[in-house]
Amino acid sequence: MSMVQAPLPATEAESTSAPVAGGRKRRGRAIIAARPWLLLAPGLAILAGLMLWPLIQVFIYSLQDYGLREINTGENNWIGFENYIEALTDPTLWTVVLPNTVGFAVAAVFVTVAVGTLVALLLARLGTTWRVIVSSCIMIAWAMPAVTGTYVWTFIFDADRGIFNAVLMDLGLMSEPVNWFTNQWSFYAIVLLNVVHHGFPFVAITVLAGLLGVSKEMLEAAALDGAGAWRRFWKIIFPTLKPVFSVVIILSTIWDFKVFAQVYLMPGGGGGNRQVLNLGVWSYVESFGQNRYGFGAALAVLLTLVLIGITIVYIRSLMKEDEL
């Protein structure tokens, strides 16, 4: 007859070791989970000091009637959200500033992406040597400072000594020089040329990197089936590079929404011609031109909110791209 031996009672050391081991595992998992944040902590602290605190200060100024008197005396003149109410009810915002900002951003993004894509398609058809040479040449335009490029385009369209007016007059298309910076449409057409010239190299190089990954066998098969270049682009290349185009479009939108130097440095763009103001320049003119720092800060906050919204869309598109 077999007898079942009863389990021996656990000793005190064995009974306490299990909770201790469990606690150590939990602490270990907590440390592993917090390790990325610990590594990011120095960078986040620097960003908070350099970006978050100035943004908070701008918002605080936007709640005040802040001018030269307040700067000299150090006093606070709180008026709540009156600056925001004034900005949102000012006809200049809805009839001039917002149409200029949004309309220019849409046109600039469309033209920049279109030109950059065409250049990328050209680069993809070149040999390695010529591709490197042409890519290096177009990157010079991207490396050029915005201030330098703006002055170059200003000189080209100058009313008295500009190359553009001289060519048109030599061809007999004009009898006298024209000041292209006084008209709202011609002014932003010049700004558009400036921004596209400065921005298309980034689009071209980014799209080229995606084009080099498209299956050549698939493109050759489509060509053998009779598909033209236009059909191959929309049926094969564009669907493959859709994540690339989404990122390029959103980044270009962010950059073109906050265009400042290309507008401010043009003749009349610094407030002399109020019909060409955009949101960034209007904020600067009201702050440092009219000494209305509180109102200018409110405009800057509105522009920041718009850019934050676009940035959220950009981050979401990146997350969707990682999920593919």
Foldseek 3Di string as FASTA:
>chain_A
DDDDDDDDDDDPVVVVVVVVVVVVVVVVVVCVVCVVVVVCVVVVVVCCVVPVVVLVVLLQLLQFQFFPVCVVVVDTHGDGNVLVVCCVPPVLVVPAAVCLLVVLLVVLLVLLLVVLQVLLVVLLPDDPVVSVVVLVVLVVLQVDDLLVLLVVLLQCLPQPRHVVQVVCVVVVVDVHGDNQCQDQVSVSVSLSVSSSSNRNSVSNVLLNVQVVVFDPVVVVVCVVVPDDPVRCCVPGVCVSCVLSSVLSSLVSSLPSSQDDSSQCVHVCSQPNRSNNHYLNSVLVCCCPVVRRSNSSSSSVVVSVVVSVVSVVVNVVSVVVVVVD
